[in-house]
Amino acid sequence: MKRTAVLLAALWMAAGSLRAASVSFAVLKQDGKPLAGAVITAEPESGKSASPAPQKAIVDQVELSFVPDVTVIPVGSSVSFPNSDQVSHQVYSFSPARRFQLPLYRGQAHAPVVFDQAGIVTLGCNIHDNMAAFIVVTAAPFFGRTNDKGGWMIPSLPDGLYRVRIWHPLLKDPTKMLERSVRIGVGSNEVDMKIEDVTRPVPLKARPHSWEY
């Protein structure tokens, strides 16, 4: 079985204060190519940080696909699931972090769904098995996704010890996030995170996924 090693390199330098840093993350595969669409979160190991404010997000259904196909939101956020297709959909999730099922509908037929527990939520449609998407619910104050170059940046991060988590739709176990303690401070550092290659197939799709730049 082919295996892929992911290198999570955190490079930072002083950003106007000795107590904060501008942190740039680069997520690369073993062959040196960037890993696009990876979710990264960071929170202090001490637990002393303000929780991010809940957000209102939208996951639409367009051309038999969820748009966007990966959404990252803070705990307590709500997500609306409008249906812009001409056919009906029935959105559901059996994930422990949030179980729900919306009756068959078109247009904007249902109230937003609130996600009040951290975790990975896998979305599907009971009518169209090829539709798949994910919602990552996090309590971390810093979160984002890597771009087509495998990069993501936090403009100003107070120094200290952080729990950094990484997740990608094609991890061997997509229900869990990989994690590592990282010390943030003035200067530079590199952190390696290695994972096994994907052992499950890429979900069927009607359009390219956001993690496949």
N, C-alpha and C. Protein backbone atom coordinates (compact mmCIF):
# COMPACT_ATOMS: atom_id res chain seq x y z
N MET A 1 0.85 -1.19 0.00
CA MET A 1 0.00 0.00 0.00
C MET A 1 0.89 1.24 0.00
N LYS A 2 0.58 2.11 -0.90
CA LYS A 2 1.32 3.35 -0.98
C LYS A 2 1.05 4.19 0.26
N ARG A 3 2.08 4.85 0.77
CA ARG A 3 1.92 5.69 1.94
C ARG A 3 2.37 7.11 1.61
N THR A 4 1.69 8.04 2.18
CA THR A 4 2.01 9.45 1.98
C THR A 4 2.39 10.06 3.29
N ALA A 5 3.46 10.80 3.32
CA ALA A 5 3.85 11.51 4.52
C ALA A 5 3.51 12.97 4.32
N VAL A 6 2.89 13.53 5.30
CA VAL A 6 2.52 14.94 5.24
C VAL A 6 3.45 15.72 6.14
N LEU A 7 4.06 16.73 5.59
CA LEU A 7 4.96 17.59 6.34
C LEU A 7 4.22 18.87 6.68
N LEU A 8 4.01 19.10 7.96
CA LEU A 8 3.39 20.33 8.40
C LEU A 8 4.49 21.22 8.93
N ALA A 9 4.85 22.24 8.14
CA ALA A 9 5.97 23.10 8.49
C ALA A 9 5.44 24.44 8.97
N ALA A 10 5.71 24.79 10.22
CA ALA A 10 5.27 26.07 10.76
C ALA A 10 6.48 27.00 10.85
N LEU A 11 6.44 28.07 10.10
CA LEU A 11 7.53 29.02 10.06
C LEU A 11 6.99 30.36 10.53
N TRP A 12 7.63 30.97 11.51
CA TRP A 12 7.13 32.25 11.96
C TRP A 12 8.26 33.23 12.23
N MET A 13 7.91 34.52 12.23
CA MET A 13 8.86 35.56 12.60
C MET A 13 8.12 36.63 13.36
N ALA A 14 8.86 37.48 14.06
CA ALA A 14 8.24 38.50 14.90
C ALA A 14 7.34 39.40 14.07
N ALA A 15 6.20 39.76 14.62
CA ALA A 15 5.24 40.60 13.91
C ALA A 15 4.92 41.82 14.76
N GLY A 16 5.90 42.69 14.91
CA GLY A 16 5.69 43.95 15.60
C GLY A 16 5.76 43.85 17.11
N SER A 17 5.72 42.67 17.68
CA SER A 17 5.74 42.50 19.13
C SER A 17 6.50 41.24 19.47
N LEU A 18 7.23 41.28 20.60
CA LEU A 18 7.95 40.10 21.04
C LEU A 18 7.01 39.05 21.59
N ARG A 19 5.74 39.39 21.75
CA ARG A 19 4.78 38.46 22.31
C ARG A 19 3.86 37.86 21.27
N ALA A 20 4.06 38.18 20.00
CA ALA A 20 3.20 37.65 18.94
C ALA A 20 4.04 37.34 17.71
N ALA A 21 3.52 36.49 16.86
CA ALA A 21 4.24 36.08 15.66
C ALA A 21 3.25 35.92 14.51
N SER A 22 3.74 36.13 13.31
CA SER A 22 2.98 35.82 12.11
C SER A 22 3.36 34.41 11.70
N VAL A 23 2.40 33.51 11.72
CA VAL A 23 2.68 32.09 11.52
C VAL A 23 2.19 31.64 10.14
N SER A 24 3.11 31.04 9.37
CA SER A 24 2.76 30.50 8.06
C SER A 24 2.91 28.99 8.10
N PHE A 25 1.85 28.29 7.73
CA PHE A 25 1.86 26.84 7.70
C PHE A 25 1.96 26.37 6.26
N ALA A 26 2.75 25.34 6.03
CA ALA A 26 2.84 24.70 4.72
C ALA A 26 2.61 23.21 4.89
N VAL A 27 1.59 22.69 4.24
CA VAL A 27 1.27 21.27 4.33
C VAL A 27 1.64 20.62 3.01
N LEU A 28 2.59 19.69 3.05
CA LEU A 28 3.11 19.06 1.84
C LEU A 28 3.00 17.55 1.93
N LYS A 29 2.82 16.92 0.77
CA LYS A 29 2.87 15.46 0.70
C LYS A 29 4.32 15.00 0.67
N GLN A 30 4.54 13.72 0.80
CA GLN A 30 5.89 13.19 0.88
C GLN A 30 6.71 13.51 -0.37
N ASP A 31 6.03 13.61 -1.52
CA ASP A 31 6.74 13.91 -2.74
C ASP A 31 7.03 15.40 -2.91
N GLY A 32 6.70 16.19 -1.90
CA GLY A 32 6.98 17.62 -1.94
C GLY A 32 5.87 18.45 -2.53
N LYS A 33 4.84 17.81 -3.05
CA LYS A 33 3.72 18.55 -3.63
C LYS A 33 2.80 19.03 -2.51
N PRO A 34 2.18 20.20 -2.71
CA PRO A 34 1.31 20.75 -1.66
C PRO A 34 0.05 19.92 -1.46
N LEU A 35 -0.45 19.93 -0.24
CA LEU A 35 -1.71 19.28 0.08
C LEU A 35 -2.77 20.36 0.20
N ALA A 36 -3.58 20.52 -0.81
CA ALA A 36 -4.61 21.56 -0.83
C ALA A 36 -5.83 21.13 -0.03
N GLY A 37 -6.54 22.11 0.51
CA GLY A 37 -7.81 21.85 1.16
C GLY A 37 -7.73 21.20 2.52
N ALA A 38 -6.56 21.20 3.16
CA ALA A 38 -6.44 20.65 4.50
C ALA A 38 -6.93 21.67 5.52
N VAL A 39 -7.65 21.21 6.53
CA VAL A 39 -8.11 22.07 7.62
C VAL A 39 -7.05 22.10 8.71
N ILE A 40 -6.73 23.29 9.20
CA ILE A 40 -5.78 23.45 10.31
C ILE A 40 -6.45 24.26 11.40
N THR A 41 -6.33 23.81 12.65
CA THR A 41 -6.81 24.58 13.79
C THR A 41 -5.68 24.70 14.81
N ALA A 42 -5.71 25.77 15.60
CA ALA A 42 -4.69 25.98 16.63
C ALA A 42 -5.34 26.59 17.86
N GLU A 43 -5.04 26.02 19.03
CA GLU A 43 -5.55 26.57 20.28
C GLU A 43 -4.51 26.39 21.37
N PRO A 44 -4.44 27.34 22.31
CA PRO A 44 -3.44 27.25 23.38
C PRO A 44 -3.60 25.98 24.20
N GLU A 45 -2.48 25.36 24.55
CA GLU A 45 -2.54 24.16 25.40
C GLU A 45 -3.10 24.50 26.78
N SER A 46 -2.90 25.75 27.22
CA SER A 46 -3.36 26.16 28.53
C SER A 46 -4.88 26.25 28.61
N GLY A 47 -5.53 26.33 27.45
CA GLY A 47 -6.98 26.48 27.42
C GLY A 47 -7.44 27.89 27.70
N LYS A 48 -6.49 28.82 27.89
CA LYS A 48 -6.83 30.20 28.20
C LYS A 48 -6.97 31.01 26.92
N SER A 49 -8.11 30.92 26.29
CA SER A 49 -8.37 31.69 25.09
C SER A 49 -9.87 31.86 24.94
N ALA A 50 -10.25 32.96 24.33
CA ALA A 50 -11.67 33.22 24.12
C ALA A 50 -12.20 32.31 23.03
N SER A 51 -13.38 31.78 23.25
CA SER A 51 -14.00 30.92 22.24
C SER A 51 -14.40 31.77 21.04
N PRO A 52 -14.24 31.26 19.83
CA PRO A 52 -14.64 32.03 18.66
C PRO A 52 -16.15 32.21 18.63
N ALA A 53 -16.59 33.35 18.13
CA ALA A 53 -18.03 33.63 18.08
C ALA A 53 -18.70 32.73 17.05
N PRO A 54 -19.90 32.24 17.34
CA PRO A 54 -20.63 31.43 16.36
C PRO A 54 -20.86 32.21 15.07
N GLN A 55 -20.95 31.48 13.97
CA GLN A 55 -21.15 32.08 12.66
C GLN A 55 -22.42 31.53 12.01
N LYS A 56 -22.83 32.21 10.95
CA LYS A 56 -23.92 31.72 10.12
C LYS A 56 -23.33 31.35 8.76
N ALA A 57 -23.43 30.08 8.41
CA ALA A 57 -22.83 29.60 7.16
C ALA A 57 -23.93 29.05 6.25
N ILE A 58 -23.57 28.90 4.99
CA ILE A 58 -24.49 28.36 3.98
C ILE A 58 -23.80 27.24 3.22
N VAL A 59 -24.45 26.11 3.12
CA VAL A 59 -24.01 25.02 2.25
C VAL A 59 -25.13 24.79 1.24
N ASP A 60 -24.91 25.24 0.02
CA ASP A 60 -25.92 25.14 -1.02
C ASP A 60 -25.80 23.80 -1.75
N GLN A 61 -26.78 23.52 -2.60
CA GLN A 61 -26.75 22.32 -3.43
C GLN A 61 -26.93 22.76 -4.88
N VAL A 62 -25.85 22.57 -5.64
CA VAL A 62 -25.79 23.07 -7.01
C VAL A 62 -25.25 21.98 -7.92
N GLU A 63 -25.98 21.65 -8.96
CA GLU A 63 -25.55 20.64 -9.94
C GLU A 63 -25.19 19.33 -9.25
N LEU A 64 -26.05 18.91 -8.32
CA LEU A 64 -25.89 17.64 -7.59
C LEU A 64 -24.59 17.60 -6.79
N SER A 65 -24.18 18.76 -6.26
CA SER A 65 -23.00 18.85 -5.41
C SER A 65 -23.27 19.82 -4.27
N PHE A 66 -22.63 19.57 -3.11
CA PHE A 66 -22.66 20.53 -2.02
C PHE A 66 -21.65 21.64 -2.30
N VAL A 67 -22.05 22.88 -2.07
CA VAL A 67 -21.18 24.02 -2.31
C VAL A 67 -21.26 24.97 -1.11
N PRO A 68 -20.15 25.11 -0.34
CA PRO A 68 -18.86 24.43 -0.49
C PRO A 68 -18.91 22.99 0.00
N ASP A 69 -17.92 22.22 -0.39
CA ASP A 69 -17.90 20.82 0.03
C ASP A 69 -17.18 20.60 1.35
N VAL A 70 -16.45 21.62 1.84
CA VAL A 70 -15.86 21.59 3.18
C VAL A 70 -16.11 22.95 3.83
N THR A 71 -16.68 22.94 5.02
CA THR A 71 -16.97 24.16 5.76
C THR A 71 -16.37 24.03 7.15
N VAL A 72 -15.68 25.07 7.62
CA VAL A 72 -15.10 25.08 8.97
C VAL A 72 -15.80 26.17 9.77
N ILE A 73 -16.39 25.80 10.91
CA ILE A 73 -17.17 26.74 11.70
C ILE A 73 -16.88 26.55 13.19
N PRO A 74 -17.06 27.61 14.00
CA PRO A 74 -16.92 27.47 15.45
C PRO A 74 -18.12 26.73 16.05
N VAL A 75 -17.91 26.16 17.22
CA VAL A 75 -19.00 25.52 17.95
C VAL A 75 -20.12 26.53 18.19
N GLY A 76 -21.36 26.08 18.01
CA GLY A 76 -22.50 26.95 18.21
C GLY A 76 -22.99 27.63 16.95
N SER A 77 -22.28 27.44 15.84
CA SER A 77 -22.66 28.07 14.58
C SER A 77 -23.86 27.36 13.96
N SER A 78 -24.52 28.06 13.05
CA SER A 78 -25.66 27.49 12.34
C SER A 78 -25.37 27.45 10.85
N VAL A 79 -25.93 26.47 10.18
CA VAL A 79 -25.71 26.29 8.75
C VAL A 79 -27.07 26.15 8.06
N SER A 80 -27.27 26.94 7.01
CA SER A 80 -28.46 26.82 6.18
C SER A 80 -28.12 25.93 4.98
N PHE A 81 -29.10 25.15 4.54
CA PHE A 81 -28.90 24.22 3.43
C PHE A 81 -29.92 24.49 2.31
N PRO A 82 -29.78 25.62 1.62
CA PRO A 82 -30.70 25.87 0.50
C PRO A 82 -30.44 24.88 -0.64
N ASN A 83 -31.44 24.68 -1.47
CA ASN A 83 -31.33 23.79 -2.62
C ASN A 83 -31.55 24.61 -3.88
N SER A 84 -30.46 24.90 -4.59
CA SER A 84 -30.55 25.68 -5.83
C SER A 84 -30.75 24.81 -7.06
N ASP A 85 -30.82 23.51 -6.87
CA ASP A 85 -31.06 22.59 -8.00
C ASP A 85 -32.55 22.58 -8.36
N GLN A 86 -32.83 22.04 -9.52
CA GLN A 86 -34.22 21.89 -9.96
C GLN A 86 -34.82 20.57 -9.47
N VAL A 87 -34.00 19.74 -8.86
CA VAL A 87 -34.48 18.47 -8.31
C VAL A 87 -34.46 18.55 -6.79
N SER A 88 -35.20 17.68 -6.13
CA SER A 88 -35.27 17.69 -4.67
C SER A 88 -34.07 16.97 -4.06
N HIS A 89 -33.69 17.40 -2.86
CA HIS A 89 -32.61 16.76 -2.10
C HIS A 89 -33.11 16.48 -0.68
N GLN A 90 -32.41 15.55 -0.03
CA GLN A 90 -32.70 15.23 1.37
C GLN A 90 -31.38 15.13 2.11
N VAL A 91 -30.96 16.23 2.73
CA VAL A 91 -29.66 16.31 3.40
C VAL A 91 -29.72 15.60 4.74
N TYR A 92 -28.66 14.86 5.07
CA TYR A 92 -28.62 14.15 6.35
C TYR A 92 -27.19 14.02 6.83
N SER A 93 -27.03 13.68 8.10
CA SER A 93 -25.74 13.31 8.67
C SER A 93 -25.97 12.31 9.79
N PHE A 94 -25.17 11.25 9.80
CA PHE A 94 -25.20 10.27 10.87
C PHE A 94 -23.99 10.43 11.80
N SER A 95 -23.22 11.51 11.63
CA SER A 95 -22.01 11.72 12.42
C SER A 95 -22.36 12.00 13.88
N PRO A 96 -21.60 11.44 14.84
CA PRO A 96 -21.88 11.65 16.26
C PRO A 96 -21.89 13.13 16.66
N ALA A 97 -21.07 13.95 16.01
CA ALA A 97 -21.00 15.37 16.36
C ALA A 97 -22.31 16.09 16.06
N ARG A 98 -23.06 15.62 15.08
CA ARG A 98 -24.37 16.23 14.77
C ARG A 98 -25.15 15.30 13.85
N ARG A 99 -26.18 14.69 14.39
CA ARG A 99 -27.07 13.84 13.60
C ARG A 99 -28.32 14.64 13.24
N PHE A 100 -28.69 14.62 11.97
CA PHE A 100 -29.93 15.28 11.56
C PHE A 100 -30.34 14.77 10.19
N GLN A 101 -31.59 15.04 9.84
CA GLN A 101 -32.10 14.70 8.52
C GLN A 101 -33.18 15.72 8.14
N LEU A 102 -33.02 16.34 6.99
CA LEU A 102 -33.99 17.30 6.49
C LEU A 102 -34.93 16.59 5.52
N PRO A 103 -36.24 16.73 5.70
CA PRO A 103 -37.18 16.12 4.76
C PRO A 103 -36.93 16.60 3.33
N LEU A 104 -37.34 15.78 2.39
CA LEU A 104 -37.14 16.07 0.96
C LEU A 104 -37.65 17.47 0.63
N TYR A 105 -36.82 18.24 -0.11
CA TYR A 105 -37.22 19.63 -0.38
C TYR A 105 -36.47 20.21 -1.57
N ARG A 106 -37.00 21.33 -2.05
CA ARG A 106 -36.34 22.21 -3.00
C ARG A 106 -36.40 23.64 -2.45
N GLY A 107 -35.52 24.50 -2.91
CA GLY A 107 -35.52 25.88 -2.43
C GLY A 107 -35.00 25.99 -1.02
N GLN A 108 -35.53 26.95 -0.26
CA GLN A 108 -35.12 27.17 1.14
C GLN A 108 -36.27 26.74 2.02
N ALA A 109 -36.32 25.47 2.35
CA ALA A 109 -37.51 24.93 3.01
C ALA A 109 -37.36 24.73 4.51
N HIS A 110 -36.12 24.76 5.04
CA HIS A 110 -35.92 24.39 6.44
C HIS A 110 -35.10 25.43 7.20
N ALA A 111 -35.30 25.47 8.50
CA ALA A 111 -34.54 26.36 9.36
C ALA A 111 -33.08 25.90 9.41
N PRO A 112 -32.15 26.82 9.71
CA PRO A 112 -30.73 26.44 9.81
C PRO A 112 -30.52 25.37 10.89
N VAL A 113 -29.50 24.57 10.68
CA VAL A 113 -29.12 23.52 11.64
C VAL A 113 -28.01 24.06 12.52
N VAL A 114 -28.13 23.93 13.84
CA VAL A 114 -27.12 24.42 14.78
C VAL A 114 -26.16 23.28 15.11
N PHE A 115 -24.86 23.58 15.09
CA PHE A 115 -23.82 22.60 15.38
C PHE A 115 -23.17 22.99 16.71
N ASP A 116 -23.56 22.32 17.78
CA ASP A 116 -23.15 22.71 19.13
C ASP A 116 -22.12 21.78 19.75
N GLN A 117 -21.50 20.94 18.94
CA GLN A 117 -20.48 20.02 19.44
C GLN A 117 -19.33 19.95 18.45
N ALA A 118 -18.10 20.03 18.95
CA ALA A 118 -16.93 19.96 18.08
C ALA A 118 -16.80 18.56 17.46
N GLY A 119 -16.33 18.51 16.22
CA GLY A 119 -16.14 17.23 15.56
C GLY A 119 -16.27 17.35 14.05
N ILE A 120 -16.15 16.22 13.38
CA ILE A 120 -16.26 16.15 11.92
C ILE A 120 -17.64 15.64 11.57
N VAL A 121 -18.37 16.40 10.76
CA VAL A 121 -19.71 16.03 10.34
C VAL A 121 -19.70 15.73 8.85
N THR A 122 -20.08 14.52 8.49
CA THR A 122 -20.15 14.13 7.08
C THR A 122 -21.58 14.29 6.58
N LEU A 123 -21.73 15.01 5.46
CA LEU A 123 -23.04 15.26 4.88
C LEU A 123 -23.28 14.34 3.69
N GLY A 124 -24.53 13.97 3.51
CA GLY A 124 -24.92 13.19 2.35
C GLY A 124 -26.32 13.55 1.93
N CYS A 125 -26.76 12.97 0.81
CA CYS A 125 -28.12 13.16 0.32
C CYS A 125 -28.74 11.78 0.14
N ASN A 126 -29.90 11.55 0.74
CA ASN A 126 -30.56 10.26 0.64
C ASN A 126 -31.02 9.92 -0.77
N ILE A 127 -31.12 10.93 -1.62
CA ILE A 127 -31.58 10.72 -2.98
C ILE A 127 -30.43 10.53 -3.95
N HIS A 128 -29.30 11.21 -3.71
CA HIS A 128 -28.16 11.17 -4.62
C HIS A 128 -26.92 10.72 -3.84
N ASP A 129 -26.58 9.45 -3.98
CA ASP A 129 -25.48 8.87 -3.21
C ASP A 129 -24.12 9.46 -3.54
N ASN A 130 -23.98 10.12 -4.70
CA ASN A 130 -22.68 10.64 -5.09
C ASN A 130 -22.39 11.98 -4.44
N MET A 131 -23.35 12.55 -3.72
CA MET A 131 -23.14 13.84 -3.06
C MET A 131 -22.48 13.63 -1.69
N ALA A 132 -21.39 14.36 -1.45
CA ALA A 132 -20.69 14.25 -0.17
C ALA A 132 -20.06 15.59 0.18
N ALA A 133 -20.08 15.93 1.46
CA ALA A 133 -19.45 17.15 1.94
C ALA A 133 -19.15 16.99 3.41
N PHE A 134 -18.39 17.93 3.97
CA PHE A 134 -17.96 17.84 5.36
C PHE A 134 -18.10 19.19 6.04
N ILE A 135 -18.46 19.15 7.33
CA ILE A 135 -18.45 20.34 8.17
C ILE A 135 -17.54 20.04 9.36
N VAL A 136 -16.49 20.85 9.51
CA VAL A 136 -15.57 20.71 10.64
C VAL A 136 -15.98 21.74 11.69
N VAL A 137 -16.41 21.27 12.85
CA VAL A 137 -16.86 22.14 13.93
C VAL A 137 -15.74 22.19 14.98
N THR A 138 -15.27 23.38 15.30
CA THR A 138 -14.10 23.51 16.17
C THR A 138 -14.32 24.52 17.28
N ALA A 139 -13.67 24.27 18.42
CA ALA A 139 -13.65 25.23 19.53
C ALA A 139 -12.37 26.04 19.52
N ALA A 140 -11.47 25.79 18.56
CA ALA A 140 -10.20 26.50 18.48
C ALA A 140 -10.41 27.94 18.04
N PRO A 141 -9.66 28.90 18.61
CA PRO A 141 -9.81 30.30 18.21
C PRO A 141 -9.20 30.61 16.84
N PHE A 142 -8.32 29.75 16.35
CA PHE A 142 -7.68 29.96 15.04
C PHE A 142 -7.95 28.75 14.16
N PHE A 143 -8.47 28.98 12.97
CA PHE A 143 -8.76 27.87 12.08
C PHE A 143 -8.81 28.36 10.63
N GLY A 144 -8.54 27.45 9.69
CA GLY A 144 -8.59 27.79 8.27
C GLY A 144 -8.26 26.58 7.43
N ARG A 145 -8.12 26.81 6.10
CA ARG A 145 -7.80 25.73 5.17
C ARG A 145 -6.62 26.13 4.30
N THR A 146 -5.85 25.13 3.90
CA THR A 146 -4.71 25.40 3.03
C THR A 146 -5.17 25.72 1.62
N ASN A 147 -4.40 26.57 0.94
CA ASN A 147 -4.72 26.96 -0.43
C ASN A 147 -4.10 25.96 -1.41
N ASP A 148 -4.10 26.33 -2.70
CA ASP A 148 -3.59 25.40 -3.71
C ASP A 148 -2.10 25.16 -3.57
N LYS A 149 -1.40 26.00 -2.81
CA LYS A 149 0.02 25.79 -2.56
C LYS A 149 0.27 25.13 -1.21
N GLY A 150 -0.79 24.65 -0.59
CA GLY A 150 -0.65 23.98 0.69
C GLY A 150 -0.39 24.92 1.85
N GLY A 151 -0.67 26.22 1.67
CA GLY A 151 -0.33 27.20 2.69
C GLY A 151 -1.52 27.79 3.40
N TRP A 152 -1.28 28.24 4.63
CA TRP A 152 -2.26 28.95 5.43
C TRP A 152 -1.51 29.78 6.46
N MET A 153 -2.01 31.00 6.78
CA MET A 153 -1.27 31.91 7.65
C MET A 153 -2.18 32.47 8.74
N ILE A 154 -1.61 32.62 9.94
CA ILE A 154 -2.24 33.36 11.03
C ILE A 154 -1.44 34.66 11.17
N PRO A 155 -2.03 35.82 10.91
CA PRO A 155 -1.27 37.08 10.91
C PRO A 155 -0.59 37.40 12.24
N SER A 156 -1.26 37.15 13.36
CA SER A 156 -0.68 37.49 14.66
C SER A 156 -1.13 36.47 15.69
N LEU A 157 -0.19 35.69 16.18
CA LEU A 157 -0.49 34.63 17.13
C LEU A 157 0.38 34.82 18.37
N PRO A 158 -0.21 35.00 19.55
CA PRO A 158 0.58 35.15 20.78
C PRO A 158 1.48 33.95 20.99
N ASP A 159 2.68 34.20 21.51
CA ASP A 159 3.61 33.08 21.70
C ASP A 159 3.11 32.17 22.82
N GLY A 160 3.56 30.92 22.77
CA GLY A 160 3.14 29.94 23.75
C GLY A 160 3.05 28.56 23.12
N LEU A 161 2.55 27.60 23.89
CA LEU A 161 2.41 26.23 23.43
C LEU A 161 1.00 26.03 22.90
N TYR A 162 0.90 25.49 21.67
CA TYR A 162 -0.40 25.34 21.01
C TYR A 162 -0.63 23.88 20.62
N ARG A 163 -1.90 23.50 20.65
CA ARG A 163 -2.33 22.22 20.10
C ARG A 163 -2.78 22.49 18.68
N VAL A 164 -2.01 21.97 17.72
CA VAL A 164 -2.31 22.16 16.30
C VAL A 164 -2.91 20.88 15.75
N ARG A 165 -4.06 21.01 15.11
CA ARG A 165 -4.74 19.85 14.54
C ARG A 165 -4.85 20.02 13.03
N ILE A 166 -4.78 18.91 12.32
CA ILE A 166 -4.89 18.93 10.87
C ILE A 166 -5.87 17.84 10.44
N TRP A 167 -6.67 18.18 9.43
CA TRP A 167 -7.66 17.22 8.92
C TRP A 167 -7.79 17.41 7.42
N HIS A 168 -8.03 16.30 6.74
CA HIS A 168 -8.22 16.33 5.29
C HIS A 168 -9.28 15.29 4.93
N PRO A 169 -10.14 15.59 3.94
CA PRO A 169 -11.21 14.66 3.59
C PRO A 169 -10.75 13.26 3.24
N LEU A 170 -9.51 13.09 2.82
CA LEU A 170 -9.05 11.77 2.39
C LEU A 170 -8.08 11.11 3.37
N LEU A 171 -8.14 11.50 4.64
CA LEU A 171 -7.35 10.81 5.65
C LEU A 171 -7.83 9.36 5.77
N LYS A 172 -6.95 8.51 6.26
CA LYS A 172 -7.32 7.11 6.46
C LYS A 172 -8.55 7.01 7.35
N ASP A 173 -8.58 7.79 8.42
CA ASP A 173 -9.76 7.87 9.28
C ASP A 173 -10.27 9.30 9.25
N PRO A 174 -11.22 9.62 8.38
CA PRO A 174 -11.68 11.00 8.24
C PRO A 174 -12.55 11.48 9.39
N THR A 175 -12.78 10.64 10.40
CA THR A 175 -13.57 11.06 11.55
C THR A 175 -12.70 11.70 12.63
N LYS A 176 -11.38 11.67 12.46
CA LYS A 176 -10.47 12.19 13.48
C LYS A 176 -9.49 13.20 12.88
N MET A 177 -8.98 14.07 13.74
CA MET A 177 -7.98 15.04 13.35
C MET A 177 -6.62 14.61 13.91
N LEU A 178 -5.57 14.76 13.11
CA LEU A 178 -4.22 14.55 13.61
C LEU A 178 -3.83 15.74 14.46
N GLU A 179 -3.05 15.53 15.50
CA GLU A 179 -2.71 16.65 16.36
C GLU A 179 -1.29 16.56 16.86
N ARG A 180 -0.76 17.74 17.21
CA ARG A 180 0.62 17.85 17.66
C ARG A 180 0.78 19.13 18.47
N SER A 181 1.59 19.10 19.53
CA SER A 181 1.90 20.29 20.29
C SER A 181 2.99 21.09 19.58
N VAL A 182 2.78 22.37 19.43
CA VAL A 182 3.73 23.24 18.74
C VAL A 182 3.97 24.47 19.59
N ARG A 183 5.24 24.83 19.81
CA ARG A 183 5.55 26.04 20.55
C ARG A 183 5.72 27.20 19.58
N ILE A 184 4.92 28.23 19.77
CA ILE A 184 4.96 29.41 18.93
C ILE A 184 5.78 30.48 19.64
N GLY A 185 6.70 31.08 18.93
CA GLY A 185 7.52 32.13 19.52
C GLY A 185 8.33 32.83 18.46
N VAL A 186 9.11 33.79 18.86
CA VAL A 186 9.93 34.54 17.93
C VAL A 186 11.00 33.61 17.37
N GLY A 187 11.23 33.67 16.09
CA GLY A 187 12.20 32.81 15.42
C GLY A 187 11.50 31.95 14.40
N SER A 188 11.97 30.75 14.22
CA SER A 188 11.35 29.85 13.25
C SER A 188 11.42 28.42 13.77
N ASN A 189 10.56 27.58 13.20
CA ASN A 189 10.52 26.18 13.62
C ASN A 189 9.84 25.37 12.54
N GLU A 190 10.04 24.07 12.56
CA GLU A 190 9.38 23.16 11.63
C GLU A 190 8.85 21.97 12.40
N VAL A 191 7.64 21.56 12.03
CA VAL A 191 6.99 20.43 12.70
C VAL A 191 6.57 19.43 11.64
N ASP A 192 6.98 18.17 11.78
CA ASP A 192 6.61 17.12 10.84
C ASP A 192 5.41 16.35 11.37
N MET A 193 4.42 16.15 10.51
CA MET A 193 3.28 15.29 10.86
C MET A 193 3.11 14.29 9.73
N LYS A 194 3.34 13.01 10.01
CA LYS A 194 3.25 11.98 8.98
C LYS A 194 1.97 11.17 9.14
N ILE A 195 1.35 10.89 8.01
CA ILE A 195 0.12 10.10 8.02
C ILE A 195 0.20 9.03 6.96
N GLU A 196 -0.58 7.97 7.14
CA GLU A 196 -0.65 6.94 6.12
C GLU A 196 -1.44 7.45 4.93
N ASP A 197 -1.21 6.83 3.81
CA ASP A 197 -1.92 7.23 2.60
C ASP A 197 -3.40 6.89 2.72
N VAL A 198 -4.17 7.46 1.83
CA VAL A 198 -5.61 7.23 1.80
C VAL A 198 -5.90 5.75 1.56
N THR A 199 -6.83 5.21 2.34
CA THR A 199 -7.20 3.81 2.13
C THR A 199 -8.65 3.69 1.67
N ARG A 200 -9.36 4.82 1.57
CA ARG A 200 -10.74 4.80 1.08
C ARG A 200 -10.80 5.57 -0.24
N PRO A 201 -11.72 5.25 -1.09
CA PRO A 201 -11.78 5.92 -2.40
C PRO A 201 -12.28 7.35 -2.29
N VAL A 202 -11.89 8.16 -3.25
CA VAL A 202 -12.42 9.51 -3.36
C VAL A 202 -13.91 9.41 -3.64
N PRO A 203 -14.76 10.16 -2.90
CA PRO A 203 -16.21 10.07 -3.16
C PRO A 203 -16.56 10.42 -4.59
N LEU A 204 -17.58 9.77 -5.12
CA LEU A 204 -18.06 10.13 -6.44
C LEU A 204 -18.50 11.59 -6.44
N LYS A 205 -18.42 12.24 -7.58
CA LYS A 205 -18.68 13.66 -7.59
C LYS A 205 -19.25 14.11 -8.93
N ALA A 206 -19.92 15.26 -8.87
CA ALA A 206 -20.43 15.87 -10.09
C ALA A 206 -19.51 16.98 -10.55
N ARG A 207 -18.59 17.40 -9.70
CA ARG A 207 -17.64 18.46 -10.03
C ARG A 207 -16.39 18.24 -9.19
N PRO A 208 -15.22 18.85 -9.56
CA PRO A 208 -14.01 18.67 -8.76
C PRO A 208 -14.21 19.16 -7.33
N HIS A 209 -13.57 18.48 -6.37
CA HIS A 209 -13.66 18.89 -4.99
C HIS A 209 -12.65 20.01 -4.70
N SER A 210 -12.91 20.76 -3.62
CA SER A 210 -12.06 21.89 -3.27
C SER A 210 -10.67 21.45 -2.83
N TRP A 211 -10.51 20.18 -2.44
CA TRP A 211 -9.18 19.70 -2.04
C TRP A 211 -8.42 19.12 -3.22
N GLU A 212 -8.94 19.27 -4.42
CA GLU A 212 -8.29 18.74 -5.62
C GLU A 212 -8.01 19.87 -6.61
N TYR A 213 -7.17 20.82 -6.19
CA TYR A 213 -6.84 21.96 -7.04
C TYR A 213 -6.13 21.49 -8.30
